N, C-alpha and C. Protein backbone atom coordinates (compact mmCIF):
# COMPACT_ATOMS: atom_id res chain seq x y z
N MET A 1 0.82 6.07 42.35
CA MET A 1 0.51 7.37 41.58
C MET A 1 1.49 7.09 40.31
N ARG A 2 2.66 6.63 40.42
CA ARG A 2 3.41 6.78 39.17
C ARG A 2 2.72 5.80 38.08
N ALA A 3 1.96 4.91 38.23
CA ALA A 3 1.20 4.24 37.26
C ALA A 3 0.30 5.16 36.35
N ILE A 4 -0.10 6.15 36.98
CA ILE A 4 -1.04 6.72 36.10
C ILE A 4 -0.37 7.57 35.04
N PRO A 5 0.74 8.16 35.21
CA PRO A 5 1.47 9.05 34.13
C PRO A 5 1.97 7.97 32.98
N PHE A 6 2.51 6.66 33.46
CA PHE A 6 2.63 5.41 32.45
C PHE A 6 1.77 5.19 31.83
N LEU A 7 0.34 5.02 32.44
CA LEU A 7 -0.93 4.69 31.58
C LEU A 7 -1.40 5.53 30.59
N LEU A 8 -1.51 6.95 31.33
CA LEU A 8 -1.58 7.74 30.14
C LEU A 8 -0.60 8.10 28.96
N ALA A 9 0.80 7.87 29.26
CA ALA A 9 1.71 7.77 28.20
C ALA A 9 1.35 6.68 27.09
N LEU A 10 1.01 5.58 27.67
CA LEU A 10 0.79 4.44 26.94
C LEU A 10 -0.50 4.34 26.21
N ILE A 11 -1.39 5.07 26.55
CA ILE A 11 -2.75 5.46 26.14
C ILE A 11 -2.64 6.33 24.88
N LEU A 12 -1.90 7.55 25.22
CA LEU A 12 -1.72 8.34 24.05
C LEU A 12 -0.63 7.90 22.98
N GLY A 13 0.14 7.22 23.48
CA GLY A 13 1.17 6.57 22.41
C GLY A 13 0.33 5.66 21.43
N THR A 14 -0.19 4.65 21.93
CA THR A 14 -1.19 3.95 21.05
C THR A 14 -2.13 4.41 20.23
N ALA A 15 -2.89 5.47 20.80
CA ALA A 15 -3.80 6.38 20.27
C ALA A 15 -3.27 6.91 19.08
N SER A 16 -2.10 7.56 19.35
CA SER A 16 -1.66 8.26 17.94
C SER A 16 -0.57 7.45 16.66
N ALA A 17 -0.35 6.30 17.13
CA ALA A 17 0.25 5.13 16.07
C ALA A 17 -0.72 5.20 14.94
N HIS A 18 -0.17 5.00 13.77
CA HIS A 18 -1.09 4.88 12.55
C HIS A 18 -0.71 3.63 11.90
N THR A 19 -1.57 2.98 10.98
CA THR A 19 -1.19 1.64 10.38
C THR A 19 -0.20 1.96 9.27
N ALA A 20 0.60 0.96 9.19
CA ALA A 20 1.77 1.07 8.30
C ALA A 20 2.00 -0.21 7.68
N ILE A 21 2.49 -0.21 6.64
CA ILE A 21 2.90 -1.38 5.80
C ILE A 21 3.99 -2.13 6.21
N ALA A 22 4.07 -3.33 7.10
CA ALA A 22 5.00 -4.02 7.86
C ALA A 22 6.25 -4.62 6.89
N SER A 23 5.11 -4.97 5.58
CA SER A 23 6.55 -5.76 4.41
C SER A 23 5.61 -5.79 3.20
N MET A 24 6.53 -5.77 2.03
CA MET A 24 5.96 -5.97 0.93
C MET A 24 6.58 -6.69 -0.12
N THR A 25 5.84 -7.53 -0.85
CA THR A 25 6.58 -8.65 -1.98
C THR A 25 5.99 -8.17 -3.27
N PRO A 26 6.61 -8.19 -4.26
CA PRO A 26 7.97 -7.84 -4.34
C PRO A 26 8.69 -6.73 -3.11
N ALA A 27 9.82 -6.97 -2.53
CA ALA A 27 10.38 -5.96 -1.87
C ALA A 27 10.75 -4.51 -2.55
N ALA A 28 10.44 -3.43 -1.51
CA ALA A 28 10.74 -2.24 -1.93
C ALA A 28 11.89 -2.04 -2.68
N GLU A 29 12.10 -1.56 -3.82
CA GLU A 29 13.58 -1.19 -4.22
C GLU A 29 14.08 -2.56 -5.11
N SER A 30 13.34 -3.63 -4.74
CA SER A 30 13.92 -4.79 -5.40
C SER A 30 13.44 -5.08 -7.00
N THR A 31 14.57 -5.88 -7.52
CA THR A 31 14.42 -5.96 -9.04
C THR A 31 14.20 -7.41 -9.23
N VAL A 32 12.84 -7.78 -10.04
CA VAL A 32 12.46 -9.16 -9.88
C VAL A 32 12.06 -9.69 -11.34
N ASN A 33 11.63 -10.81 -11.69
CA ASN A 33 11.02 -10.96 -12.74
C ASN A 33 9.33 -10.63 -12.69
N ALA A 34 8.59 -10.72 -13.91
CA ALA A 34 7.41 -9.87 -13.71
C ALA A 34 6.44 -10.92 -12.85
N PRO A 35 6.48 -10.14 -11.43
CA PRO A 35 5.28 -10.90 -10.46
C PRO A 35 3.71 -11.28 -10.90
N LYS A 36 3.17 -12.07 -10.47
CA LYS A 36 1.70 -12.24 -10.52
C LYS A 36 1.02 -11.45 -9.71
N GLU A 37 1.46 -10.92 -8.53
CA GLU A 37 0.75 -10.42 -7.42
C GLU A 37 1.85 -9.29 -6.57
N VAL A 38 1.34 -8.62 -5.93
CA VAL A 38 1.84 -7.58 -4.66
C VAL A 38 1.10 -8.15 -3.60
N VAL A 39 2.21 -8.27 -2.47
CA VAL A 39 1.43 -9.12 -1.18
C VAL A 39 2.04 -7.79 -0.35
N LEU A 40 1.07 -7.22 0.39
CA LEU A 40 1.19 -6.24 1.22
C LEU A 40 0.54 -6.78 2.74
N LYS A 41 1.57 -6.51 3.71
CA LYS A 41 1.16 -7.04 4.98
C LYS A 41 1.13 -5.75 5.90
N PHE A 42 0.15 -5.53 6.95
CA PHE A 42 0.15 -4.45 7.68
C PHE A 42 0.43 -4.68 9.08
N SER A 43 0.84 -3.36 9.74
CA SER A 43 0.85 -3.48 11.09
C SER A 43 0.04 -3.96 11.91
N GLU A 44 -1.19 -3.65 11.59
CA GLU A 44 -2.81 -4.27 12.21
C GLU A 44 -3.55 -4.15 10.97
N PRO A 45 -4.78 -5.10 11.34
CA PRO A 45 -5.65 -5.21 10.56
C PRO A 45 -6.40 -4.03 10.25
N ILE A 46 -6.93 -3.68 8.79
CA ILE A 46 -7.29 -2.83 8.44
C ILE A 46 -8.65 -2.96 7.68
N GLU A 47 -9.45 -2.09 7.54
CA GLU A 47 -10.96 -2.40 6.77
C GLU A 47 -10.62 -1.86 5.27
N LEU A 48 -10.54 -2.80 4.61
CA LEU A 48 -10.21 -2.65 3.23
C LEU A 48 -11.23 -2.27 2.16
N ARG A 49 -12.23 -1.97 2.92
CA ARG A 49 -13.62 -1.16 1.87
C ARG A 49 -13.47 0.26 2.16
N PHE A 50 -12.40 0.59 3.08
CA PHE A 50 -12.12 2.13 3.19
C PHE A 50 -10.52 2.29 2.60
N SER A 51 -9.86 1.37 1.94
CA SER A 51 -8.58 1.56 1.50
C SER A 51 -8.60 1.70 -0.07
N THR A 52 -7.67 2.31 -0.65
CA THR A 52 -7.49 2.09 -1.92
C THR A 52 -5.78 1.41 -2.26
N PHE A 53 -5.85 0.71 -3.05
CA PHE A 53 -4.40 0.24 -3.51
C PHE A 53 -4.38 0.26 -5.00
N ARG A 54 -3.03 0.79 -5.54
CA ARG A 54 -2.87 0.67 -7.04
C ARG A 54 -1.47 0.44 -7.41
N VAL A 55 -1.37 -0.48 -8.40
CA VAL A 55 0.08 -0.56 -9.00
C VAL A 55 0.08 -0.06 -10.38
N MET A 56 1.14 0.64 -10.64
CA MET A 56 1.26 1.08 -12.17
C MET A 56 2.53 1.58 -12.42
N ALA A 57 2.96 1.17 -13.62
CA ALA A 57 4.18 1.70 -14.42
C ALA A 57 4.68 2.95 -14.29
N LEU A 58 5.89 3.54 -13.81
CA LEU A 58 6.49 4.74 -13.73
C LEU A 58 6.64 5.36 -14.98
N GLY A 59 6.25 6.45 -15.30
CA GLY A 59 6.73 6.97 -16.91
C GLY A 59 8.26 7.16 -16.77
N THR A 60 9.07 7.43 -17.62
CA THR A 60 10.32 7.69 -17.73
C THR A 60 10.44 8.90 -17.13
N GLY A 61 11.44 9.36 -15.85
CA GLY A 61 11.60 10.28 -15.28
C GLY A 61 10.74 10.68 -14.28
N MET A 62 9.31 9.88 -14.15
CA MET A 62 8.45 10.10 -13.18
C MET A 62 8.97 10.01 -12.03
N LYS A 63 8.67 10.70 -11.00
CA LYS A 63 8.92 10.34 -9.33
C LYS A 63 7.98 9.54 -8.92
N PRO A 64 8.06 8.31 -7.84
CA PRO A 64 7.58 7.56 -7.08
C PRO A 64 6.01 8.54 -6.48
N GLU A 65 6.56 9.58 -6.12
CA GLU A 65 5.45 10.10 -5.40
C GLU A 65 4.44 10.64 -6.35
N ASP A 66 4.82 11.13 -7.53
CA ASP A 66 3.90 11.56 -8.54
C ASP A 66 3.13 10.52 -9.11
N GLY A 67 3.77 9.53 -9.22
CA GLY A 67 3.22 8.08 -9.95
C GLY A 67 2.00 7.84 -8.87
N ALA A 68 2.39 7.84 -7.77
CA ALA A 68 1.52 7.20 -6.39
C ALA A 68 0.23 8.29 -6.59
N LYS A 69 0.64 9.16 -6.79
CA LYS A 69 -0.59 10.47 -6.72
C LYS A 69 -1.43 10.22 -7.83
N THR A 70 -0.94 9.92 -8.87
CA THR A 70 -1.66 9.73 -10.47
C THR A 70 -2.51 8.54 -10.30
N ALA A 71 -1.94 7.07 -9.73
CA ALA A 71 -2.43 5.85 -9.67
C ALA A 71 -3.52 5.98 -8.64
N LEU A 72 -3.40 6.61 -7.53
CA LEU A 72 -4.66 6.71 -6.46
C LEU A 72 -5.69 7.62 -7.05
N ALA A 73 -5.51 8.44 -8.03
CA ALA A 73 -6.45 9.08 -8.54
C ALA A 73 -7.42 8.48 -9.93
N LEU A 74 -7.03 7.25 -10.19
CA LEU A 74 -7.64 6.63 -11.15
C LEU A 74 -8.63 5.82 -10.76
N LYS A 75 -9.33 5.18 -11.45
CA LYS A 75 -10.62 4.32 -11.24
C LYS A 75 -9.91 3.10 -11.06
N ALA A 76 -10.39 2.27 -10.45
CA ALA A 76 -10.18 0.56 -10.22
C ALA A 76 -9.80 -0.17 -11.50
N ASP A 77 -10.47 0.16 -12.49
CA ASP A 77 -10.53 -0.75 -13.70
C ASP A 77 -9.58 0.34 -14.81
N ALA A 78 -9.02 1.30 -14.48
CA ALA A 78 -8.49 2.26 -15.36
C ALA A 78 -7.21 1.20 -16.03
N SER A 79 -7.36 1.39 -17.35
CA SER A 79 -6.24 0.44 -18.18
C SER A 79 -4.91 0.98 -17.84
N GLU A 80 -4.30 2.25 -17.64
CA GLU A 80 -3.09 2.52 -17.16
C GLU A 80 -2.44 1.83 -15.80
N LEU A 81 -3.56 1.04 -14.93
CA LEU A 81 -2.96 0.36 -14.23
C LEU A 81 -2.53 -1.20 -14.34
N ALA A 82 -1.39 -1.55 -13.50
CA ALA A 82 -0.85 -2.84 -13.94
C ALA A 82 -1.50 -3.85 -12.94
N ASN A 83 -2.43 -3.38 -11.95
CA ASN A 83 -3.16 -4.33 -11.05
C ASN A 83 -4.70 -4.69 -11.84
N LEU A 84 -5.11 -5.57 -11.37
CA LEU A 84 -6.81 -5.99 -11.72
C LEU A 84 -7.41 -5.41 -10.63
N PRO A 85 -8.55 -5.16 -10.74
CA PRO A 85 -9.45 -4.58 -9.70
C PRO A 85 -9.61 -5.43 -8.30
N LEU A 86 -9.61 -4.84 -7.26
CA LEU A 86 -9.66 -5.52 -5.95
C LEU A 86 -11.17 -5.95 -5.64
N THR A 87 -11.59 -7.02 -4.97
CA THR A 87 -12.74 -7.32 -4.81
C THR A 87 -13.04 -7.45 -3.28
N ALA A 88 -11.54 -7.59 -2.48
CA ALA A 88 -11.54 -7.82 -0.91
C ALA A 88 -12.36 -6.50 -0.39
N ARG A 89 -13.23 -6.74 0.63
CA ARG A 89 -13.75 -5.76 1.27
C ARG A 89 -13.86 -5.93 2.81
N ASN A 90 -12.96 -6.70 3.38
CA ASN A 90 -13.04 -7.08 4.71
C ASN A 90 -12.33 -6.58 5.51
N LEU A 91 -12.05 -7.00 6.73
CA LEU A 91 -11.12 -6.54 7.82
C LEU A 91 -9.90 -7.57 7.42
N ALA A 92 -8.51 -7.08 7.35
CA ALA A 92 -7.44 -8.06 6.92
C ALA A 92 -6.31 -7.21 7.21
N ALA A 93 -5.10 -8.17 7.63
CA ALA A 93 -3.84 -7.78 8.19
C ALA A 93 -3.22 -8.11 6.85
N GLN A 94 -3.35 -8.65 5.93
CA GLN A 94 -2.58 -8.95 4.63
C GLN A 94 -3.58 -8.64 3.50
N LEU A 95 -2.87 -8.19 2.28
CA LEU A 95 -3.66 -8.19 1.00
C LEU A 95 -2.93 -8.78 -0.02
N ARG A 96 -3.40 -9.49 -0.96
CA ARG A 96 -2.86 -9.74 -2.18
C ARG A 96 -3.47 -9.02 -3.30
N ILE A 97 -2.48 -8.13 -4.14
CA ILE A 97 -3.02 -7.45 -5.21
C ILE A 97 -2.73 -8.13 -6.54
N PRO A 98 -3.55 -8.89 -7.43
CA PRO A 98 -3.41 -9.44 -8.67
C PRO A 98 -2.97 -8.29 -9.46
N LEU A 99 -1.89 -8.81 -10.33
CA LEU A 99 -1.59 -7.99 -11.32
C LEU A 99 -1.91 -8.79 -12.90
N LYS A 100 -1.62 -7.80 -13.78
CA LYS A 100 -2.04 -8.29 -15.23
C LYS A 100 -0.77 -9.11 -15.81
N PRO A 101 -1.28 -10.11 -16.27
CA PRO A 101 -0.11 -10.80 -17.06
C PRO A 101 1.02 -10.33 -17.74
N ASP A 102 2.13 -10.79 -17.75
CA ASP A 102 3.25 -10.23 -18.39
C ASP A 102 3.47 -8.77 -18.37
N LEU A 103 3.97 -8.46 -17.22
CA LEU A 103 4.48 -6.77 -17.14
C LEU A 103 5.67 -6.67 -17.72
N LYS A 104 5.64 -5.63 -18.45
CA LYS A 104 6.84 -5.15 -19.17
C LYS A 104 7.88 -4.94 -18.24
N ALA A 105 9.20 -5.00 -18.76
CA ALA A 105 10.28 -4.33 -17.99
C ALA A 105 10.17 -2.79 -17.67
N GLY A 106 10.69 -2.52 -16.52
CA GLY A 106 10.33 -1.09 -15.88
C GLY A 106 10.19 -0.82 -14.59
N LYS A 107 10.08 0.23 -14.10
CA LYS A 107 9.68 0.52 -12.61
C LYS A 107 8.27 0.58 -12.62
N TYR A 108 7.72 0.19 -11.16
CA TYR A 108 6.48 0.10 -10.70
C TYR A 108 6.18 0.80 -9.65
N VAL A 109 5.21 1.53 -9.32
CA VAL A 109 5.02 2.19 -7.90
C VAL A 109 3.62 1.24 -7.29
N VAL A 110 3.71 1.07 -6.32
CA VAL A 110 2.64 0.24 -5.56
C VAL A 110 2.37 1.40 -4.57
N ALA A 111 1.02 2.13 -4.75
CA ALA A 111 0.45 3.10 -3.88
C ALA A 111 -0.65 2.60 -3.21
N TRP A 112 -0.77 3.30 -1.75
CA TRP A 112 -1.82 2.88 -1.09
C TRP A 112 -2.57 4.18 -0.33
N LYS A 113 -3.68 4.10 0.09
CA LYS A 113 -4.41 5.05 0.97
C LYS A 113 -5.15 4.11 1.74
N ILE A 114 -4.77 4.15 2.99
CA ILE A 114 -5.36 3.25 4.05
C ILE A 114 -6.35 4.23 5.29
N LEU A 115 -7.34 3.87 5.80
CA LEU A 115 -7.64 4.16 6.94
C LEU A 115 -6.99 3.98 8.24
N SER A 116 -6.26 4.65 9.04
CA SER A 116 -5.38 4.17 10.31
C SER A 116 -6.56 3.84 11.32
N GLU A 117 -6.50 3.03 12.17
CA GLU A 117 -7.36 2.45 13.25
C GLU A 117 -7.74 3.83 13.93
N ASP A 118 -7.04 4.80 14.08
CA ASP A 118 -7.26 5.94 14.79
C ASP A 118 -8.41 7.08 13.83
N GLY A 119 -8.39 6.30 12.48
CA GLY A 119 -9.37 7.56 11.85
C GLY A 119 -8.55 8.31 10.91
N HIS A 120 -7.36 8.34 10.75
CA HIS A 120 -6.56 9.03 10.09
C HIS A 120 -6.13 8.34 8.87
N PRO A 121 -6.40 8.94 7.73
CA PRO A 121 -5.70 8.45 6.57
C PRO A 121 -4.20 8.11 6.37
N VAL A 122 -3.78 7.16 5.85
CA VAL A 122 -2.37 7.14 5.77
C VAL A 122 -1.96 6.60 4.26
N THR A 123 -1.23 7.61 3.64
CA THR A 123 -1.10 7.33 2.06
C THR A 123 0.46 6.80 2.19
N GLY A 124 1.08 6.26 1.12
CA GLY A 124 2.58 5.62 0.81
C GLY A 124 2.56 5.12 -0.46
N GLN A 125 3.80 4.85 -0.67
CA GLN A 125 4.23 4.06 -2.02
C GLN A 125 5.51 3.28 -1.78
N ASN A 126 5.73 2.40 -2.58
CA ASN A 126 7.03 1.61 -2.89
C ASN A 126 7.30 1.44 -4.40
N VAL A 127 8.33 1.45 -4.66
CA VAL A 127 8.61 1.25 -6.08
C VAL A 127 9.46 -0.47 -6.06
N PHE A 128 9.06 -1.10 -7.19
CA PHE A 128 10.11 -2.29 -7.56
C PHE A 128 10.17 -2.33 -8.83
N THR A 129 11.10 -3.00 -9.64
CA THR A 129 11.53 -2.98 -11.16
C THR A 129 11.43 -4.21 -11.32
N VAL A 130 10.51 -4.33 -12.60
CA VAL A 130 10.58 -5.75 -13.48
C VAL A 130 11.82 -5.87 -14.65
N LYS A 131 12.66 -6.84 -14.53
CA LYS A 131 13.48 -6.93 -15.20
C LYS A 131 13.26 -7.41 -16.83
């Protein structure tokens, strides 16, 4: 009978887990030469058609959270974005976000809104700096 509470805890623990960004290149808080793309790896495959990803330069004094909110509200082809529009619409454990050529020096926010496997939206952001 001990197996039932253990299995219940395992099931509930798994069901409440949310998808996360396992790694990002360029790494969060890193300083790099202008990259050609941002690569995100997820803790589990996600449906890209239900997800939004944006990269945008942070204005002077802009907090990453505010930049992420602004970036996610923009249309995929907005001129303010540093990324090119994405075309991927499949299930993926990794995503490559192509960037516009010759990014200027400064801080950039990578923002995302993904649909977790349990149906909950997960938003987040990371920042990198171009030297």
